[in-house]
């Protein structure tokens, strides 16, 4: 348990001291949202209604 706590605080301290990392994580999350949410609406046809017919 002590090892898990030390690992957790190691990462927590690292995320607190980030300078460029926060902006990069925001960009990564925005790109993932665009890829999975918006592009899915335009390029993938819904499959469930065609199976039900």
N, C-alpha and C. Protein backbone atom coordinates (compact mmCIF):
# COMPACT_ATOMS: atom_id res chain seq x y z
N UNK A 1 0.83 -1.20 0.00
CA UNK A 1 0.00 0.00 0.00
C UNK A 1 0.87 1.26 0.00
N UNK A 2 1.98 1.19 0.74
CA UNK A 2 2.87 2.33 0.80
C UNK A 2 3.48 2.63 -0.58
N UNK A 3 3.78 1.58 -1.34
CA UNK A 3 4.34 1.77 -2.68
C UNK A 3 3.33 2.46 -3.59
N UNK A 4 2.07 2.05 -3.53
CA UNK A 4 1.05 2.68 -4.36
C UNK A 4 0.87 4.15 -4.00
N UNK A 5 0.92 4.45 -2.73
CA UNK A 5 0.78 5.85 -2.29
C UNK A 5 1.96 6.68 -2.79
N UNK A 6 3.17 6.13 -2.72
CA UNK A 6 4.35 6.86 -3.20
C UNK A 6 4.28 7.09 -4.70
N UNK A 7 3.81 6.10 -5.45
CA UNK A 7 3.66 6.25 -6.90
C UNK A 7 2.62 7.32 -7.21
N UNK A 8 1.50 7.28 -6.49
CA UNK A 8 0.44 8.27 -6.71
C UNK A 8 0.94 9.68 -6.46
N UNK A 9 1.64 9.89 -5.34
CA UNK A 9 2.14 11.23 -5.03
C UNK A 9 3.25 11.67 -5.99
N UNK A 10 4.01 10.71 -6.51
CA UNK A 10 5.02 11.03 -7.51
C UNK A 10 4.37 11.63 -8.75
N UNK A 11 3.31 10.99 -9.27
CA UNK A 11 2.62 11.50 -10.45
C UNK A 11 1.86 12.78 -10.14
N UNK A 12 1.26 12.86 -8.96
CA UNK A 12 0.53 14.06 -8.59
C UNK A 12 1.46 15.26 -8.53
N UNK A 13 2.62 15.09 -7.94
CA UNK A 13 3.60 16.17 -7.87
C UNK A 13 4.08 16.56 -9.26
N UNK A 14 4.27 15.57 -10.12
CA UNK A 14 4.69 15.86 -11.49
C UNK A 14 3.65 16.66 -12.26
N UNK A 15 2.37 16.31 -12.11
CA UNK A 15 1.32 17.05 -12.81
C UNK A 15 1.16 18.46 -12.26
N UNK A 16 1.42 18.65 -10.98
CA UNK A 16 1.32 20.00 -10.41
C UNK A 16 2.41 20.93 -10.94
N UNK A 17 3.60 20.39 -11.20
CA UNK A 17 4.72 21.22 -11.61
C UNK A 17 4.84 21.37 -13.11
N UNK A 18 3.89 20.87 -13.86
CA UNK A 18 3.94 20.98 -15.32
C UNK A 18 3.78 22.42 -15.76
N UNK A 19 4.51 22.79 -16.81
CA UNK A 19 4.31 24.10 -17.42
C UNK A 19 3.72 23.92 -18.81
N UNK A 20 4.44 23.25 -19.70
CA UNK A 20 3.92 23.01 -21.04
C UNK A 20 2.94 21.84 -21.07
N UNK A 21 3.04 20.97 -20.11
CA UNK A 21 2.24 19.76 -20.13
C UNK A 21 0.75 20.00 -20.11
N UNK A 22 0.31 21.00 -19.36
CA UNK A 22 -1.13 21.26 -19.27
C UNK A 22 -1.70 21.68 -20.62
N UNK A 23 -1.01 22.56 -21.32
CA UNK A 23 -1.49 22.99 -22.63
C UNK A 23 -1.48 21.83 -23.61
N UNK A 24 -0.46 20.98 -23.52
CA UNK A 24 -0.41 19.84 -24.43
C UNK A 24 -1.52 18.85 -24.13
N UNK A 25 -1.84 18.61 -22.85
CA UNK A 25 -2.94 17.71 -22.52
C UNK A 25 -4.28 18.28 -23.00
N UNK A 26 -4.45 19.59 -22.92
CA UNK A 26 -5.70 20.20 -23.42
C UNK A 26 -5.81 20.00 -24.91
N UNK A 27 -4.72 20.20 -25.65
CA UNK A 27 -4.74 19.98 -27.10
C UNK A 27 -5.04 18.52 -27.42
N UNK A 28 -4.43 17.60 -26.69
CA UNK A 28 -4.67 16.18 -26.93
C UNK A 28 -6.13 15.83 -26.68
N UNK A 29 -6.72 16.34 -25.61
CA UNK A 29 -8.12 16.04 -25.31
C UNK A 29 -9.06 16.63 -26.35
N UNK A 30 -8.76 17.83 -26.84
CA UNK A 30 -9.59 18.44 -27.89
C UNK A 30 -9.51 17.61 -29.17
N UNK A 31 -8.30 17.17 -29.53
CA UNK A 31 -8.15 16.35 -30.73
C UNK A 31 -8.90 15.03 -30.61
N UNK A 32 -8.82 14.41 -29.44
CA UNK A 32 -9.56 13.16 -29.24
C UNK A 32 -11.06 13.37 -29.34
N UNK A 33 -11.54 14.48 -28.79
CA UNK A 33 -12.97 14.78 -28.90
C UNK A 33 -13.38 14.95 -30.36
N UNK A 34 -12.58 15.67 -31.13
CA UNK A 34 -12.90 15.86 -32.54
C UNK A 34 -12.89 14.53 -33.28
N UNK A 35 -11.88 13.71 -33.01
CA UNK A 35 -11.79 12.45 -33.74
C UNK A 35 -12.95 11.51 -33.43
N UNK A 36 -13.30 11.38 -32.16
CA UNK A 36 -14.29 10.37 -31.81
C UNK A 36 -15.72 10.88 -31.82
N UNK A 37 -15.95 12.13 -31.56
CA UNK A 37 -17.33 12.63 -31.48
C UNK A 37 -17.79 13.24 -32.80
N UNK A 38 -17.05 14.18 -33.31
CA UNK A 38 -17.51 14.92 -34.49
C UNK A 38 -17.32 14.11 -35.76
N UNK A 39 -16.15 13.53 -35.99
CA UNK A 39 -15.93 12.76 -37.21
C UNK A 39 -16.81 11.53 -37.30
N UNK A 40 -17.16 10.97 -36.15
CA UNK A 40 -18.04 9.81 -36.15
C UNK A 40 -19.42 10.18 -36.69
N UNK A 41 -19.88 11.37 -36.39
CA UNK A 41 -21.20 11.79 -36.87
C UNK A 41 -21.24 11.92 -38.39
N UNK A 42 -20.12 12.34 -38.98
CA UNK A 42 -20.12 12.62 -40.42
C UNK A 42 -19.70 11.44 -41.28
N UNK A 43 -18.84 10.57 -40.79
CA UNK A 43 -18.27 9.54 -41.65
C UNK A 43 -18.79 8.13 -41.41
N UNK A 44 -19.39 7.87 -40.28
CA UNK A 44 -19.86 6.52 -40.00
C UNK A 44 -21.37 6.51 -39.97
N UNK A 45 -21.93 5.67 -40.81
CA UNK A 45 -23.38 5.55 -40.88
C UNK A 45 -23.89 4.71 -39.70
N UNK A 46 -25.06 5.04 -39.18
CA UNK A 46 -25.60 4.22 -38.08
C UNK A 46 -25.95 2.81 -38.59
N UNK A 47 -25.53 1.81 -37.87
CA UNK A 47 -25.72 0.43 -38.28
C UNK A 47 -26.97 -0.17 -37.66
N UNK A 48 -27.33 0.23 -36.47
CA UNK A 48 -28.44 -0.38 -35.74
C UNK A 48 -29.78 -0.30 -36.48
N UNK A 49 -30.18 0.82 -37.09
CA UNK A 49 -31.48 0.82 -37.78
C UNK A 49 -31.53 -0.13 -38.98
N UNK A 50 -30.44 -0.35 -39.68
CA UNK A 50 -30.48 -1.25 -40.83
C UNK A 50 -30.57 -2.70 -40.40
N UNK A 51 -30.07 -3.03 -39.25
CA UNK A 51 -30.16 -4.39 -38.76
C UNK A 51 -31.60 -4.70 -38.33
N UNK A 52 -32.28 -3.71 -37.78
CA UNK A 52 -33.64 -3.93 -37.27
C UNK A 52 -34.66 -4.12 -38.41
N UNK A 53 -34.36 -3.68 -39.58
CA UNK A 53 -35.36 -3.76 -40.67
C UNK A 53 -35.44 -5.12 -41.27
